Amino acid sequence: MPKLTPDEVRHIAELAKLALTDEEIEQYAADLSAILDYAQQLQQVDTDHIHPTASVLPLRNVMRPDEVRPGLDPEDALANAPERQDGYFKVHAVLEGSQ
């Protein structure tokens, strides 16, 4: 695969909204070209006998069983509320057109 030109790196940097120095452009041209060369090498690997998988690790459930527990006391939940009304948090409306 041909090496990326400085103009191509400038274009990529512009798309990514990056401000790069001339030295950085030269460095990224070399680095990105090496990455693309490696990706091209990976394309040549025969993977026909490899089954697609989402993970190489075995699946296991990390969830705990549901257990009923007492909840937080409403008075404790509202203890630090700047405003409350009828046992609930009172907040200002955030929807457009709300008062």
Foldseek 3Di string as FASTA:
>chain_A
DDFDDLVNLVVVCVVVVHDDDPVVSVVVSVVVRVVVVVVVVVVPDDCPVPDDDPDPDDDDDPDDDDDDDDDDDLCVVCVPAPDDDPSGRDDADDDPPGD
